[in-house]
Protein backbone atom coordinates (compact mmCIF):
# COMPACT_ATOMS: atom_id res chain seq x y z
CA UNK A 1 0.00 0.00 0.00
CA UNK A 2 1.20 3.50 -0.84
CA UNK A 3 -0.22 6.80 0.39
CA UNK A 4 0.11 9.76 -1.97
CA UNK A 5 0.41 13.31 -0.61
CA UNK A 6 0.31 16.38 -2.85
CA UNK A 7 1.90 19.67 -1.99
CA UNK A 8 -0.87 22.19 -1.32
CA UNK A 9 -1.63 24.89 -3.86
CA UNK A 10 -0.51 27.56 -1.39
CA UNK A 11 2.80 25.80 -0.77
CA UNK A 12 3.41 25.36 -4.52
CA UNK A 13 3.05 29.13 -4.96
CA UNK A 14 5.69 29.67 -2.22
CA UNK A 15 8.10 26.99 -3.41
CA UNK A 16 9.73 27.42 -6.82
CA UNK A 17 9.92 24.07 -8.55
CA UNK A 18 13.33 24.83 -10.00
CA UNK A 19 13.78 24.44 -6.38
CA UNK A 20 15.61 23.51 -3.67
CA UNK A 21 17.14 20.35 -2.47
CA UNK A 22 15.16 17.73 -0.60
CA UNK A 23 17.00 18.81 2.54
CA UNK A 24 15.63 22.34 2.16
CA UNK A 25 12.04 21.37 1.37
CA UNK A 26 9.90 21.00 4.48
CA UNK A 27 7.50 18.09 4.18
CA UNK A 28 4.78 18.57 6.77
CA UNK A 29 1.18 17.51 7.21
CA UNK A 30 0.30 21.19 6.67
CA UNK A 31 2.16 21.49 3.34
CA UNK A 32 1.24 18.06 1.94
CA UNK A 33 -2.28 16.64 1.94
CA UNK A 34 -3.33 13.01 1.52
CA UNK A 35 -4.92 12.69 -1.92
CA UNK A 36 -4.95 8.93 -2.51
CA UNK A 37 -4.28 5.48 -1.13
CA UNK A 38 -3.15 2.78 -3.55
CA UNK A 39 -4.13 -0.46 -1.85
CA UNK A 40 -2.39 -3.00 -4.07
CA UNK A 41 0.66 -0.96 -5.04
CA UNK A 42 4.16 -1.37 -3.63
CA UNK A 43 6.21 0.36 -6.34
CA UNK A 44 6.95 4.10 -6.25
CA UNK A 45 7.15 4.17 -10.06
CA UNK A 46 3.78 2.48 -10.40
CA UNK A 47 2.27 4.83 -7.80
CA UNK A 48 3.54 7.80 -9.81
CA UNK A 49 2.01 6.39 -12.99
CA UNK A 50 -1.30 5.50 -11.32
CA UNK A 51 -1.71 9.07 -10.03
CA UNK A 52 -1.06 10.85 -13.32
CA UNK A 53 -3.63 11.82 -15.95
CA UNK A 54 -2.11 9.92 -18.90
CA UNK A 55 -4.94 8.62 -21.10
CA UNK A 56 -7.75 9.25 -18.59
CA UNK A 57 -8.42 10.73 -15.16
CA UNK A 58 -6.22 8.85 -12.69
CA UNK A 59 -9.06 8.56 -10.16
CA UNK A 60 -10.56 5.93 -12.50
CA UNK A 61 -7.55 3.60 -12.08
CA UNK A 62 -8.22 0.26 -10.39
CA UNK A 63 -7.09 0.07 -6.77
CA UNK A 64 -6.95 3.85 -6.32
CA UNK A 65 -8.93 5.48 -3.51
CA UNK A 66 -8.98 9.25 -4.14
CA UNK A 67 -9.67 11.68 -1.27
CA UNK A 68 -9.96 15.00 -3.14
CA UNK A 69 -12.56 16.36 -5.56
CA UNK A 70 -10.33 17.79 -8.29
CA UNK A 71 -6.97 16.03 -8.21
CA UNK A 72 -3.99 17.02 -10.30
CA UNK A 73 -1.27 14.65 -11.43
CA UNK A 74 1.50 13.72 -9.01
CA UNK A 75 4.65 15.74 -9.73
CA UNK A 76 7.93 16.98 -8.25
CA UNK A 77 7.51 18.13 -4.68
CA UNK A 78 4.79 15.60 -3.86
CA UNK A 79 5.34 12.69 -1.46
CA UNK A 80 4.79 8.93 -1.52
CA UNK A 81 4.59 7.02 1.77
CA UNK A 82 5.49 3.33 1.54
CA UNK A 83 6.10 0.66 4.16
CA UNK A 84 9.80 1.55 3.82
CA UNK A 85 9.36 5.27 4.48
CA UNK A 86 8.57 8.63 2.95
CA UNK A 87 9.81 9.59 -0.54
CA UNK A 88 9.82 12.99 -2.18
CA UNK A 89 9.04 12.96 -5.89
CA UNK A 90 12.02 14.60 -7.60
CA UNK A 91 12.44 15.79 -11.19
CA UNK A 92 13.76 12.31 -11.94
CA UNK A 93 13.16 9.60 -9.35
CA UNK A 94 12.51 9.76 -5.64
CA UNK A 95 14.44 11.02 -2.60
CA UNK A 96 14.01 9.50 0.85
CA UNK A 97 12.78 12.09 3.33
CA UNK A 98 10.95 12.42 6.65
CA UNK A 99 8.04 14.44 7.98
CA UNK A 100 9.20 17.76 9.39
CA UNK A 101 7.64 19.48 12.35
CA UNK A 102 4.77 21.78 11.34
C-alpha atoms as a PDB file:
ATOM      1  CA  UNK A   1       0.000   0.000   0.000  1.00  0.00           C
ATOM      2  CA  UNK A   2       1.203   3.504  -0.841  1.00  0.00           C
ATOM      3  CA  UNK A   3      -0.219   6.799   0.388  1.00  0.00           C
ATOM      4  CA  UNK A   4       0.111   9.762  -1.972  1.00  0.00           C
ATOM      5  CA  UNK A   5       0.409  13.313  -0.613  1.00  0.00           C
ATOM      6  CA  UNK A   6       0.312  16.377  -2.847  1.00  0.00           C
ATOM      7  CA  UNK A   7       1.901  19.674  -1.990  1.00  0.00           C
ATOM      8  CA  UNK A   8      -0.869  22.193  -1.315  1.00  0.00           C
ATOM      9  CA  UNK A   9      -1.634  24.888  -3.859  1.00  0.00           C
ATOM     10  CA  UNK A  10      -0.514  27.555  -1.394  1.00  0.00           C
ATOM     11  CA  UNK A  11       2.799  25.802  -0.773  1.00  0.00           C
ATOM     12  CA  UNK A  12       3.408  25.364  -4.518  1.00  0.00           C
ATOM     13  CA  UNK A  13       3.055  29.132  -4.962  1.00  0.00           C
ATOM     14  CA  UNK A  14       5.690  29.673  -2.224  1.00  0.00           C
ATOM     15  CA  UNK A  15       8.103  26.985  -3.412  1.00  0.00           C
ATOM     16  CA  UNK A  16       9.733  27.417  -6.822  1.00  0.00           C
ATOM     17  CA  UNK A  17       9.917  24.067  -8.550  1.00  0.00           C
ATOM     18  CA  UNK A  18      13.333  24.828  -9.996  1.00  0.00           C
ATOM     19  CA  UNK A  19      13.776  24.441  -6.380  1.00  0.00           C
ATOM     20  CA  UNK A  20      15.610  23.506  -3.673  1.00  0.00           C
ATOM     21  CA  UNK A  21      17.136  20.346  -2.475  1.00  0.00           C
ATOM     22  CA  UNK A  22      15.163  17.735  -0.596  1.00  0.00           C
ATOM     23  CA  UNK A  23      17.005  18.806   2.544  1.00  0.00           C
ATOM     24  CA  UNK A  24      15.633  22.337   2.157  1.00  0.00           C
ATOM     25  CA  UNK A  25      12.041  21.372   1.375  1.00  0.00           C
ATOM     26  CA  UNK A  26       9.903  20.998   4.480  1.00  0.00           C
ATOM     27  CA  UNK A  27       7.499  18.090   4.182  1.00  0.00           C
ATOM     28  CA  UNK A  28       4.776  18.566   6.770  1.00  0.00           C
ATOM     29  CA  UNK A  29       1.185  17.512   7.207  1.00  0.00           C
ATOM     30  CA  UNK A  30       0.297  21.187   6.667  1.00  0.00           C
ATOM     31  CA  UNK A  31       2.158  21.495   3.340  1.00  0.00           C
ATOM     32  CA  UNK A  32       1.241  18.063   1.945  1.00  0.00           C
ATOM     33  CA  UNK A  33      -2.283  16.635   1.944  1.00  0.00           C
ATOM     34  CA  UNK A  34      -3.326  13.011   1.521  1.00  0.00           C
ATOM     35  CA  UNK A  35      -4.920  12.693  -1.923  1.00  0.00           C
ATOM     36  CA  UNK A  36      -4.952   8.926  -2.513  1.00  0.00           C
ATOM     37  CA  UNK A  37      -4.282   5.484  -1.127  1.00  0.00           C
ATOM     38  CA  UNK A  38      -3.154   2.784  -3.552  1.00  0.00           C
ATOM     39  CA  UNK A  39      -4.128  -0.463  -1.848  1.00  0.00           C
ATOM     40  CA  UNK A  40      -2.389  -3.001  -4.067  1.00  0.00           C
ATOM     41  CA  UNK A  41       0.655  -0.960  -5.045  1.00  0.00           C
ATOM     42  CA  UNK A  42       4.164  -1.375  -3.634  1.00  0.00           C
ATOM     43  CA  UNK A  43       6.211   0.364  -6.335  1.00  0.00           C
ATOM     44  CA  UNK A  44       6.953   4.097  -6.254  1.00  0.00           C
ATOM     45  CA  UNK A  45       7.147   4.172 -10.055  1.00  0.00           C
ATOM     46  CA  UNK A  46       3.780   2.477 -10.397  1.00  0.00           C
ATOM     47  CA  UNK A  47       2.268   4.830  -7.802  1.00  0.00           C
ATOM     48  CA  UNK A  48       3.536   7.804  -9.805  1.00  0.00           C
ATOM     49  CA  UNK A  49       2.008   6.394 -12.993  1.00  0.00           C
ATOM     50  CA  UNK A  50      -1.299   5.504 -11.321  1.00  0.00           C
ATOM     51  CA  UNK A  51      -1.708   9.073 -10.026  1.00  0.00           C
ATOM     52  CA  UNK A  52      -1.064  10.851 -13.324  1.00  0.00           C
ATOM     53  CA  UNK A  53      -3.628  11.816 -15.948  1.00  0.00           C
ATOM     54  CA  UNK A  54      -2.115   9.920 -18.901  1.00  0.00           C
ATOM     55  CA  UNK A  55      -4.943   8.617 -21.101  1.00  0.00           C
ATOM     56  CA  UNK A  56      -7.750   9.250 -18.591  1.00  0.00           C
ATOM     57  CA  UNK A  57      -8.422  10.730 -15.161  1.00  0.00           C
ATOM     58  CA  UNK A  58      -6.218   8.847 -12.686  1.00  0.00           C
ATOM     59  CA  UNK A  59      -9.061   8.562 -10.159  1.00  0.00           C
ATOM     60  CA  UNK A  60     -10.556   5.932 -12.497  1.00  0.00           C
ATOM     61  CA  UNK A  61      -7.553   3.599 -12.081  1.00  0.00           C
ATOM     62  CA  UNK A  62      -8.215   0.263 -10.391  1.00  0.00           C
ATOM     63  CA  UNK A  63      -7.087   0.068  -6.772  1.00  0.00           C
ATOM     64  CA  UNK A  64      -6.946   3.853  -6.323  1.00  0.00           C
ATOM     65  CA  UNK A  65      -8.932   5.481  -3.512  1.00  0.00           C
ATOM     66  CA  UNK A  66      -8.981   9.246  -4.140  1.00  0.00           C
ATOM     67  CA  UNK A  67      -9.674  11.683  -1.271  1.00  0.00           C
ATOM     68  CA  UNK A  68      -9.961  15.004  -3.137  1.00  0.00           C
ATOM     69  CA  UNK A  69     -12.556  16.363  -5.558  1.00  0.00           C
ATOM     70  CA  UNK A  70     -10.330  17.788  -8.293  1.00  0.00           C
ATOM     71  CA  UNK A  71      -6.972  16.028  -8.206  1.00  0.00           C
ATOM     72  CA  UNK A  72      -3.990  17.025 -10.296  1.00  0.00           C
ATOM     73  CA  UNK A  73      -1.272  14.653 -11.425  1.00  0.00           C
ATOM     74  CA  UNK A  74       1.499  13.720  -9.013  1.00  0.00           C
ATOM     75  CA  UNK A  75       4.652  15.735  -9.727  1.00  0.00           C
ATOM     76  CA  UNK A  76       7.931  16.978  -8.255  1.00  0.00           C
ATOM     77  CA  UNK A  77       7.510  18.132  -4.679  1.00  0.00           C
ATOM     78  CA  UNK A  78       4.792  15.596  -3.863  1.00  0.00           C
ATOM     79  CA  UNK A  79       5.344  12.686  -1.464  1.00  0.00           C
ATOM     80  CA  UNK A  80       4.788   8.926  -1.524  1.00  0.00           C
ATOM     81  CA  UNK A  81       4.592   7.023   1.765  1.00  0.00           C
ATOM     82  CA  UNK A  82       5.485   3.330   1.541  1.00  0.00           C
ATOM     83  CA  UNK A  83       6.102   0.661   4.160  1.00  0.00           C
ATOM     84  CA  UNK A  84       9.803   1.553   3.818  1.00  0.00           C
ATOM     85  CA  UNK A  85       9.365   5.271   4.481  1.00  0.00           C
ATOM     86  CA  UNK A  86       8.573   8.632   2.946  1.00  0.00           C
ATOM     87  CA  UNK A  87       9.810   9.589  -0.538  1.00  0.00           C
ATOM     88  CA  UNK A  88       9.818  12.992  -2.183  1.00  0.00           C
ATOM     89  CA  UNK A  89       9.036  12.963  -5.894  1.00  0.00           C
ATOM     90  CA  UNK A  90      12.018  14.603  -7.601  1.00  0.00           C
ATOM     91  CA  UNK A  91      12.437  15.794 -11.186  1.00  0.00           C
ATOM     92  CA  UNK A  92      13.764  12.309 -11.942  1.00  0.00           C
ATOM     93  CA  UNK A  93      13.157   9.596  -9.353  1.00  0.00           C
ATOM     94  CA  UNK A  94      12.509   9.762  -5.639  1.00  0.00           C
ATOM     95  CA  UNK A  95      14.440  11.015  -2.602  1.00  0.00           C
ATOM     96  CA  UNK A  96      14.011   9.499   0.854  1.00  0.00           C
ATOM     97  CA  UNK A  97      12.778  12.094   3.329  1.00  0.00           C
ATOM     98  CA  UNK A  98      10.953  12.422   6.650  1.00  0.00           C
ATOM     99  CA  UNK A  99       8.036  14.436   7.980  1.00  0.00           C
ATOM    100  CA  UNK A 100       9.200  17.756   9.385  1.00  0.00           C
ATOM    101  CA  UNK A 101       7.635  19.482  12.353  1.00  0.00           C
ATOM    102  CA  UNK A 102       4.769  21.781  11.337  1.00  0.00           C
END
